[in-house]
Amino acid sequence: MGFLKNIPREKRNKFAHTLAGVVILIHAYEKFVHHSDTWWIFFFFGLLIFALVIFHDRIHHRFPGIDAAFFFIEGILMFVTAYYYFTHHKTYLPYAYLLTGTVYMVLTFFKYRKGRR
């Protein structure tokens, strides 16, 4: 990651969150095409991530824990994906998403506490 050291942290974070929003919207489209009931959840949260990225600077002054919101949204989506795989009788994949969602929620807690200081 040596080439990323020259880019300011704020720009790297903004790029990472934008990329996450794109991936979530692609996932929403994939769910929509396959007639899944969860497509609208991914679409809504994908748009929400884009809104948070666009207005991040304005929101950050009033709500310093805004970065925790990104982790919270991604954690919720991990749980929704786990639910989807459980309802489609997948064997082990839902547990990986449950673990990932739990990790995101723990990160949300720590990021929120760090943002409030």
C-alpha atoms as a PDB file:
ATOM      1  CA  MET A   1       0.000   0.000   0.000  1.00  0.00           C
ATOM      2  CA  GLY A   2       2.960   2.280  -0.447  1.00  0.00           C
ATOM      3  CA  PHE A   3       1.395   4.100  -3.384  1.00  0.00           C
ATOM      4  CA  LEU A   4      -1.616   5.094  -1.235  1.00  0.00           C
ATOM      5  CA  LYS A   5       0.525   6.900   1.356  1.00  0.00           C
ATOM      6  CA  ASN A   6       0.745   9.964  -0.893  1.00  0.00           C
ATOM      7  CA  ILE A   7      -3.056  10.326  -1.029  1.00  0.00           C
ATOM      8  CA  PRO A   8      -4.618  12.117   1.969  1.00  0.00           C
ATOM      9  CA  ARG A   9      -6.586   9.890   4.340  1.00  0.00           C
ATOM     10  CA  GLU A  10      -9.830  11.807   3.742  1.00  0.00           C
ATOM     11  CA  LYS A  11      -9.681  11.190  -0.008  1.00  0.00           C
ATOM     12  CA  ARG A  12      -8.872   7.501   0.512  1.00  0.00           C
ATOM     13  CA  ASN A  13     -11.852   7.136   2.849  1.00  0.00           C
ATOM     14  CA  LYS A  14     -14.148   8.969   0.448  1.00  0.00           C
ATOM     15  CA  PHE A  15     -13.025   6.717  -2.410  1.00  0.00           C
ATOM     16  CA  ALA A  16     -13.510   3.584  -0.284  1.00  0.00           C
ATOM     17  CA  HIS A  17     -17.032   4.633   0.728  1.00  0.00           C
ATOM     18  CA  THR A  18     -17.919   5.534  -2.858  1.00  0.00           C
ATOM     19  CA  LEU A  19     -16.663   2.149  -4.022  1.00  0.00           C
ATOM     20  CA  ALA A  20     -18.719   0.450  -1.301  1.00  0.00           C
ATOM     21  CA  GLY A  21     -21.806   2.351  -2.516  1.00  0.00           C
ATOM     22  CA  VAL A  22     -21.193   1.204  -6.092  1.00  0.00           C
ATOM     23  CA  VAL A  23     -20.807  -2.421  -4.979  1.00  0.00           C
ATOM     24  CA  ILE A  24     -24.000  -2.217  -2.920  1.00  0.00           C
ATOM     25  CA  LEU A  25     -25.943  -0.763  -5.868  1.00  0.00           C
ATOM     26  CA  ILE A  26     -24.611  -3.511  -8.152  1.00  0.00           C
ATOM     27  CA  HIS A  27     -25.723  -6.031  -5.547  1.00  0.00           C
ATOM     28  CA  ALA A  28     -29.176  -4.376  -5.512  1.00  0.00           C
ATOM     29  CA  TYR A  29     -29.397  -4.670  -9.290  1.00  0.00           C
ATOM     30  CA  GLU A  30     -28.389  -8.338  -9.140  1.00  0.00           C
ATOM     31  CA  LYS A  31     -31.076  -9.002  -6.514  1.00  0.00           C
ATOM     32  CA  PHE A  32     -33.643  -7.123  -8.610  1.00  0.00           C
ATOM     33  CA  VAL A  33     -32.849  -9.145 -11.743  1.00  0.00           C
ATOM     34  CA  HIS A  34     -33.171 -12.410  -9.802  1.00  0.00           C
ATOM     35  CA  HIS A  35     -36.506 -11.285  -8.286  1.00  0.00           C
ATOM     36  CA  SER A  36     -35.255 -11.295  -4.715  1.00  0.00           C
ATOM     37  CA  ASP A  37     -37.315  -9.593  -2.025  1.00  0.00           C
ATOM     38  CA  THR A  38     -34.259  -7.832  -0.598  1.00  0.00           C
ATOM     39  CA  TRP A  39     -33.269  -5.743  -3.621  1.00  0.00           C
ATOM     40  CA  TRP A  40     -34.903  -2.566  -2.298  1.00  0.00           C
ATOM     41  CA  ILE A  41     -32.920  -2.738   0.960  1.00  0.00           C
ATOM     42  CA  PHE A  42     -29.623  -2.765  -0.933  1.00  0.00           C
ATOM     43  CA  PHE A  43     -30.838  -0.015  -3.268  1.00  0.00           C
ATOM     44  CA  PHE A  44     -31.911   2.208  -0.371  1.00  0.00           C
ATOM     45  CA  PHE A  45     -28.684   1.759   1.575  1.00  0.00           C
ATOM     46  CA  GLY A  46     -26.570   2.200  -1.565  1.00  0.00           C
ATOM     47  CA  LEU A  47     -28.206   5.568  -2.181  1.00  0.00           C
ATOM     48  CA  LEU A  48     -27.849   6.438   1.496  1.00  0.00           C
ATOM     49  CA  ILE A  49     -24.114   5.760   1.351  1.00  0.00           C
ATOM     50  CA  PHE A  50     -23.794   8.029  -1.688  1.00  0.00           C
ATOM     51  CA  ALA A  51     -25.697  10.777   0.154  1.00  0.00           C
ATOM     52  CA  LEU A  52     -23.432  10.403   3.185  1.00  0.00           C
ATOM     53  CA  VAL A  53     -20.331  10.583   0.980  1.00  0.00           C
ATOM     54  CA  ILE A  54     -21.582  13.707  -0.809  1.00  0.00           C
ATOM     55  CA  PHE A  55     -22.561  15.530   2.379  1.00  0.00           C
ATOM     56  CA  HIS A  56     -19.838  14.048   4.613  1.00  0.00           C
ATOM     57  CA  ASP A  57     -18.051  17.344   5.261  1.00  0.00           C
ATOM     58  CA  ARG A  58     -21.248  19.139   6.269  1.00  0.00           C
ATOM     59  CA  ILE A  59     -22.521  16.289   8.437  1.00  0.00           C
ATOM     60  CA  HIS A  60     -19.166  15.626  10.121  1.00  0.00           C
ATOM     61  CA  HIS A  61     -19.244  18.969  11.950  1.00  0.00           C
ATOM     62  CA  ARG A  62     -22.600  18.217  13.574  1.00  0.00           C
ATOM     63  CA  PHE A  63     -22.260  14.445  13.904  1.00  0.00           C
ATOM     64  CA  PRO A  64     -18.628  13.396  14.400  1.00  0.00           C
ATOM     65  CA  GLY A  65     -19.648   9.724  14.442  1.00  0.00           C
ATOM     66  CA  ILE A  66     -20.644   9.801  10.768  1.00  0.00           C
ATOM     67  CA  ASP A  67     -17.864   7.384   9.881  1.00  0.00           C
ATOM     68  CA  ALA A  68     -19.487   4.846  12.189  1.00  0.00           C
ATOM     69  CA  ALA A  69     -22.648   5.137  10.089  1.00  0.00           C
ATOM     70  CA  PHE A  70     -20.819   3.605   7.110  1.00  0.00           C
ATOM     71  CA  PHE A  71     -19.807   0.576   9.159  1.00  0.00           C
ATOM     72  CA  PHE A  72     -23.336   0.298  10.580  1.00  0.00           C
ATOM     73  CA  ILE A  73     -24.925   0.291   7.117  1.00  0.00           C
ATOM     74  CA  GLU A  74     -22.485  -2.300   5.813  1.00  0.00           C
ATOM     75  CA  GLY A  75     -23.104  -4.436   8.920  1.00  0.00           C
ATOM     76  CA  ILE A  76     -26.868  -4.311   8.391  1.00  0.00           C
ATOM     77  CA  LEU A  77     -26.395  -5.367   4.783  1.00  0.00           C
ATOM     78  CA  MET A  78     -24.258  -8.311   5.897  1.00  0.00           C
ATOM     79  CA  PHE A  79     -27.103  -9.454   8.162  1.00  0.00           C
ATOM     80  CA  VAL A  80     -29.640  -9.030   5.335  1.00  0.00           C
ATOM     81  CA  THR A  81     -27.411 -11.111   3.055  1.00  0.00           C
ATOM     82  CA  ALA A  82     -27.088 -13.785   5.756  1.00  0.00           C
ATOM     83  CA  TYR A  83     -30.878 -13.869   6.084  1.00  0.00           C
ATOM     84  CA  TYR A  84     -31.210 -14.229   2.326  1.00  0.00           C
ATOM     85  CA  TYR A  85     -28.809 -17.168   2.261  1.00  0.00           C
ATOM     86  CA  PHE A  86     -30.507 -18.813   5.254  1.00  0.00           C
ATOM     87  CA  THR A  87     -33.883 -18.628   3.498  1.00  0.00           C
ATOM     88  CA  HIS A  88     -32.328 -20.236   0.408  1.00  0.00           C
ATOM     89  CA  HIS A  89     -30.976 -23.126   2.504  1.00  0.00           C
ATOM     90  CA  LYS A  90     -27.291 -22.411   2.001  1.00  0.00           C
ATOM     91  CA  THR A  91     -25.120 -24.410   4.363  1.00  0.00           C
ATOM     92  CA  TYR A  92     -22.084 -22.433   5.516  1.00  0.00           C
ATOM     93  CA  LEU A  93     -22.146 -19.129   3.646  1.00  0.00           C
ATOM     94  CA  PRO A  94     -24.715 -17.448   5.932  1.00  0.00           C
ATOM     95  CA  TYR A  95     -22.447 -17.981   8.926  1.00  0.00           C
ATOM     96  CA  ALA A  96     -19.622 -16.130   7.200  1.00  0.00           C
ATOM     97  CA  TYR A  97     -21.958 -13.184   6.620  1.00  0.00           C
ATOM     98  CA  LEU A  98     -23.168 -13.324  10.238  1.00  0.00           C
ATOM     99  CA  LEU A  99     -19.582 -13.201  11.455  1.00  0.00           C
ATOM    100  CA  THR A 100     -18.749 -10.335   9.105  1.00  0.00           C
ATOM    101  CA  GLY A 101     -21.868  -8.425  10.176  1.00  0.00           C
ATOM    102  CA  THR A 102     -20.933  -8.889  13.829  1.00  0.00           C
ATOM    103  CA  VAL A 103     -17.426  -7.586  13.159  1.00  0.00           C
ATOM    104  CA  TYR A 104     -18.914  -4.545  11.412  1.00  0.00           C
ATOM    105  CA  MET A 105     -21.162  -3.860  14.409  1.00  0.00           C
ATOM    106  CA  VAL A 106     -18.215  -4.064  16.810  1.00  0.00           C
ATOM    107  CA  LEU A 107     -16.263  -1.700  14.539  1.00  0.00           C
ATOM    108  CA  THR A 108     -19.278   0.619  14.512  1.00  0.00           C
ATOM    109  CA  PHE A 109     -19.220   0.763  18.293  1.00  0.00           C
ATOM    110  CA  PHE A 110     -15.502   1.572  18.475  1.00  0.00           C
ATOM    111  CA  LYS A 111     -15.607   4.036  15.581  1.00  0.00           C
ATOM    112  CA  TYR A 112     -18.560   5.849  17.149  1.00  0.00           C
ATOM    113  CA  ARG A 113     -16.797   6.110  20.514  1.00  0.00           C
ATOM    114  CA  LYS A 114     -13.644   7.378  18.814  1.00  0.00           C
ATOM    115  CA  GLY A 115     -15.637   9.960  16.836  1.00  0.00           C
ATOM    116  CA  ARG A 116     -17.283  11.368  19.967  1.00  0.00           C
ATOM    117  CA  ARG A 117     -13.957  12.151  21.658  1.00  0.00           C
END
